[in-house]
Each structure stands twice: as C-alpha cells, then as structure tokens.
N, C-alpha and C. Protein backbone atom coordinates (compact mmCIF):
# COMPACT_ATOMS: atom_id res chain seq x y z
N UNK A 1 5.70 51.96 110.86
CA UNK A 1 6.77 51.11 111.38
C UNK A 1 6.64 51.07 112.89
N UNK A 2 6.63 49.86 113.43
CA UNK A 2 6.55 49.67 114.87
C UNK A 2 7.94 49.47 115.46
N UNK A 3 8.78 48.73 114.73
CA UNK A 3 10.15 48.47 115.19
C UNK A 3 11.06 48.29 113.98
N UNK A 4 12.27 48.84 114.04
CA UNK A 4 13.22 48.73 112.94
C UNK A 4 14.62 48.58 113.52
N UNK A 5 15.14 47.36 113.50
CA UNK A 5 16.49 47.06 113.97
C UNK A 5 17.21 46.27 112.90
N UNK A 6 18.48 45.98 113.11
CA UNK A 6 19.26 45.25 112.12
C UNK A 6 18.65 43.90 111.76
N UNK A 7 18.14 43.15 112.74
CA UNK A 7 17.70 41.78 112.48
C UNK A 7 16.20 41.62 112.36
N UNK A 8 15.42 42.65 112.69
CA UNK A 8 13.97 42.52 112.63
C UNK A 8 13.31 43.88 112.37
N UNK A 9 12.24 43.83 111.57
CA UNK A 9 11.40 45.01 111.33
C UNK A 9 9.97 44.58 111.55
N UNK A 10 9.17 45.42 112.20
CA UNK A 10 7.77 45.13 112.47
C UNK A 10 6.96 46.35 112.06
N UNK A 11 5.84 46.10 111.39
CA UNK A 11 5.02 47.22 110.97
C UNK A 11 3.58 46.83 110.72
N UNK A 12 2.76 47.83 110.44
CA UNK A 12 1.36 47.65 110.09
C UNK A 12 1.19 48.08 108.64
N UNK A 13 0.30 47.39 107.92
CA UNK A 13 0.09 47.73 106.51
C UNK A 13 -1.38 47.71 106.16
N UNK A 14 -1.78 48.68 105.35
CA UNK A 14 -3.10 48.71 104.72
C UNK A 14 -2.88 49.05 103.26
N UNK A 15 -3.76 48.58 102.35
CA UNK A 15 -3.48 48.71 100.93
C UNK A 15 -3.67 50.09 100.33
N UNK A 16 -4.43 50.96 100.96
CA UNK A 16 -4.66 52.28 100.36
C UNK A 16 -5.20 52.15 98.95
N UNK A 17 -4.58 52.84 98.00
CA UNK A 17 -5.02 52.81 96.60
C UNK A 17 -4.78 51.51 95.89
N UNK A 18 -4.08 50.56 96.50
CA UNK A 18 -3.79 49.27 95.86
C UNK A 18 -4.91 48.25 96.10
N UNK A 19 -5.89 48.57 96.93
CA UNK A 19 -6.99 47.64 97.20
C UNK A 19 -7.70 47.28 95.90
N UNK A 20 -7.99 45.98 95.73
CA UNK A 20 -8.70 45.52 94.55
C UNK A 20 -7.83 45.34 93.32
N UNK A 21 -6.56 45.64 93.41
CA UNK A 21 -5.62 45.45 92.30
C UNK A 21 -4.55 44.45 92.70
N UNK A 22 -4.05 43.70 91.73
CA UNK A 22 -3.00 42.73 92.02
C UNK A 22 -1.71 43.45 92.37
N UNK A 23 -1.08 43.02 93.48
CA UNK A 23 0.19 43.56 93.95
C UNK A 23 1.21 42.43 93.86
N UNK A 24 2.30 42.63 93.13
CA UNK A 24 3.30 41.58 92.97
C UNK A 24 4.68 42.08 93.36
N UNK A 25 5.42 41.22 94.07
CA UNK A 25 6.81 41.53 94.41
C UNK A 25 7.48 40.29 94.97
N UNK A 26 8.80 40.34 95.11
CA UNK A 26 9.57 39.25 95.72
C UNK A 26 10.08 39.72 97.08
N UNK A 27 10.03 38.82 98.04
CA UNK A 27 10.44 39.17 99.40
C UNK A 27 11.95 39.26 99.55
N UNK A 28 12.40 40.28 100.23
CA UNK A 28 13.84 40.46 100.50
C UNK A 28 14.23 39.93 101.87
N UNK A 29 13.24 39.46 102.66
CA UNK A 29 13.49 38.90 103.99
C UNK A 29 12.38 37.89 104.27
N UNK A 30 12.58 37.03 105.27
CA UNK A 30 11.49 36.17 105.72
C UNK A 30 10.42 37.07 106.31
N UNK A 31 9.15 36.74 106.06
CA UNK A 31 8.05 37.55 106.58
C UNK A 31 7.02 36.66 107.27
N UNK A 32 6.56 37.09 108.41
CA UNK A 32 5.40 36.48 109.06
C UNK A 32 4.38 37.60 109.22
N UNK A 33 3.13 37.30 108.87
CA UNK A 33 2.09 38.32 108.97
C UNK A 33 0.88 37.77 109.70
N UNK A 34 0.15 38.67 110.33
CA UNK A 34 -1.10 38.36 111.00
C UNK A 34 -2.16 39.29 110.41
N UNK A 35 -3.22 38.71 109.86
CA UNK A 35 -4.30 39.52 109.30
C UNK A 35 -5.16 40.03 110.46
N UNK A 36 -5.33 41.35 110.51
CA UNK A 36 -6.10 41.98 111.58
C UNK A 36 -7.53 42.29 111.18
N UNK A 37 -7.73 42.62 109.90
CA UNK A 37 -9.03 43.09 109.43
C UNK A 37 -9.12 42.90 107.93
N UNK A 38 -10.33 42.78 107.40
CA UNK A 38 -10.53 42.68 105.97
C UNK A 38 -10.21 41.29 105.44
N UNK A 39 -10.01 41.22 104.12
CA UNK A 39 -9.75 39.92 103.52
C UNK A 39 -9.10 40.03 102.17
N UNK A 40 -8.76 38.86 101.64
CA UNK A 40 -8.14 38.78 100.33
C UNK A 40 -7.45 37.45 100.17
N UNK A 41 -6.45 37.43 99.31
CA UNK A 41 -5.67 36.21 99.09
C UNK A 41 -4.26 36.58 98.69
N UNK A 42 -3.35 35.63 98.93
CA UNK A 42 -1.98 35.77 98.47
C UNK A 42 -1.58 34.46 97.83
N UNK A 43 -0.85 34.54 96.72
CA UNK A 43 -0.28 33.36 96.06
C UNK A 43 1.22 33.44 96.20
N UNK A 44 1.83 32.32 96.57
CA UNK A 44 3.28 32.24 96.75
C UNK A 44 3.85 31.43 95.60
N UNK A 45 4.77 32.03 94.84
CA UNK A 45 5.41 31.36 93.70
C UNK A 45 4.38 30.73 92.77
N UNK A 46 3.29 31.47 92.49
CA UNK A 46 2.23 31.06 91.57
C UNK A 46 1.49 29.81 92.01
N UNK A 47 1.53 29.51 93.32
CA UNK A 47 0.82 28.35 93.85
C UNK A 47 -0.65 28.64 94.08
N UNK A 48 -1.29 27.76 94.82
CA UNK A 48 -2.70 27.93 95.16
C UNK A 48 -2.85 29.15 96.08
N UNK A 49 -3.99 29.84 95.99
CA UNK A 49 -4.19 31.02 96.85
C UNK A 49 -4.33 30.63 98.32
N UNK A 50 -3.78 31.48 99.18
CA UNK A 50 -3.96 31.37 100.62
C UNK A 50 -4.99 32.42 101.00
N UNK A 51 -6.08 31.99 101.60
CA UNK A 51 -7.14 32.92 102.00
C UNK A 51 -6.67 33.77 103.18
N UNK A 52 -6.87 35.06 103.07
CA UNK A 52 -6.50 36.00 104.12
C UNK A 52 -7.77 36.55 104.75
N UNK A 53 -7.92 36.32 106.05
CA UNK A 53 -9.05 36.82 106.82
C UNK A 53 -8.55 37.06 108.24
N UNK A 54 -9.27 37.81 109.05
CA UNK A 54 -8.80 38.11 110.40
C UNK A 54 -8.42 36.84 111.18
N UNK A 55 -7.23 36.92 111.82
CA UNK A 55 -6.72 35.81 112.62
C UNK A 55 -5.78 34.88 111.89
N UNK A 56 -5.73 34.96 110.57
CA UNK A 56 -4.84 34.09 109.79
C UNK A 56 -3.40 34.57 109.96
N UNK A 57 -2.49 33.60 110.20
CA UNK A 57 -1.07 33.87 110.32
C UNK A 57 -0.38 33.14 109.17
N UNK A 58 0.48 33.84 108.44
CA UNK A 58 1.19 33.26 107.30
C UNK A 58 2.68 33.56 107.44
N UNK A 59 3.52 32.55 107.24
CA UNK A 59 4.98 32.74 107.21
C UNK A 59 5.46 32.50 105.78
N UNK A 60 6.26 33.44 105.29
CA UNK A 60 6.71 33.43 103.89
C UNK A 60 8.23 33.49 103.85
N UNK A 61 8.86 32.68 102.99
CA UNK A 61 10.33 32.66 102.94
C UNK A 61 10.91 33.76 102.05
N UNK A 62 12.07 34.24 102.45
CA UNK A 62 12.82 35.21 101.64
C UNK A 62 12.99 34.67 100.23
N UNK A 63 12.84 35.54 99.25
CA UNK A 63 13.05 35.18 97.86
C UNK A 63 11.82 34.70 97.13
N UNK A 64 10.73 34.40 97.83
CA UNK A 64 9.54 33.92 97.13
C UNK A 64 8.86 35.09 96.40
N UNK A 65 8.13 34.75 95.35
CA UNK A 65 7.38 35.74 94.58
C UNK A 65 5.94 35.74 95.10
N UNK A 66 5.42 36.91 95.43
CA UNK A 66 4.07 37.04 95.97
C UNK A 66 3.16 37.78 95.03
N UNK A 67 1.91 37.34 95.00
CA UNK A 67 0.86 38.01 94.25
C UNK A 67 -0.33 38.19 95.19
N UNK A 68 -0.62 39.42 95.56
CA UNK A 68 -1.65 39.75 96.54
C UNK A 68 -2.87 40.34 95.85
N UNK A 69 -4.05 40.08 96.43
CA UNK A 69 -5.28 40.76 96.06
C UNK A 69 -6.06 40.92 97.35
N UNK A 70 -6.22 42.14 97.83
CA UNK A 70 -6.87 42.39 99.11
C UNK A 70 -7.93 43.49 98.96
N UNK A 71 -8.88 43.48 99.90
CA UNK A 71 -9.94 44.49 99.86
C UNK A 71 -9.51 45.77 100.59
N UNK A 72 -10.37 46.75 100.53
CA UNK A 72 -10.10 48.07 101.08
C UNK A 72 -9.96 48.05 102.60
N UNK A 73 -10.59 47.10 103.27
CA UNK A 73 -10.56 47.01 104.73
C UNK A 73 -9.33 46.27 105.25
N UNK A 74 -8.54 45.67 104.37
CA UNK A 74 -7.43 44.81 104.78
C UNK A 74 -6.41 45.57 105.65
N UNK A 75 -6.02 44.91 106.76
CA UNK A 75 -4.97 45.42 107.64
C UNK A 75 -4.15 44.23 108.12
N UNK A 76 -2.83 44.39 108.18
CA UNK A 76 -1.97 43.31 108.67
C UNK A 76 -0.87 43.87 109.55
N UNK A 77 -0.40 43.02 110.46
CA UNK A 77 0.81 43.25 111.22
C UNK A 77 1.86 42.34 110.58
N UNK A 78 2.99 42.90 110.17
CA UNK A 78 4.02 42.10 109.51
C UNK A 78 5.32 42.17 110.30
N UNK A 79 6.08 41.08 110.19
CA UNK A 79 7.38 40.98 110.84
C UNK A 79 8.37 40.48 109.79
N UNK A 80 9.42 41.26 109.52
CA UNK A 80 10.50 40.85 108.62
C UNK A 80 11.70 40.45 109.48
N UNK A 81 12.33 39.32 109.14
CA UNK A 81 13.51 38.90 109.86
C UNK A 81 14.54 38.38 108.88
C-alpha cells in the first residue's frame, strides 16, 4: 500500500501464486491501473480482452466484473477512488 485515505487508495500489485491462473472478482471502487512490468489480459464484464503490457493504462468502473490472466512478471500500480 502506497496511500490509504477515505477517498483514495494507491498500491502496487504482483500476482504471486495467482500467475497463470484466472482471477475473477467485482470491483468495489473505480480503479485506474498502470502496467509496470510483465503482461497478460483483463476482461471487463465478459467483453473482449484488454491486452496488458508495460505502459498500458486502464480505467475500470466500480461494480464491473473482472477476469484477469497475467504472467509471473506482471506488476501494476493501482489507484482506487
């Protein structure tokens, strides 16, 4: 966790043991992420995959359903608001 306040949270994430496996959940806040390293894809509400690679920025709305598949090298900076 980089920052944790009432209106915003900022952190870094890596998949650890979840790399190579599908990760599914619904967002409890709006999220913007920046891919720092590695790669993969995310599907929003079962839509087309969004390619994740270094430099990609993605904004996701609260309440959407996400399905992630990322490699072992994947790293992201995320911001919840």
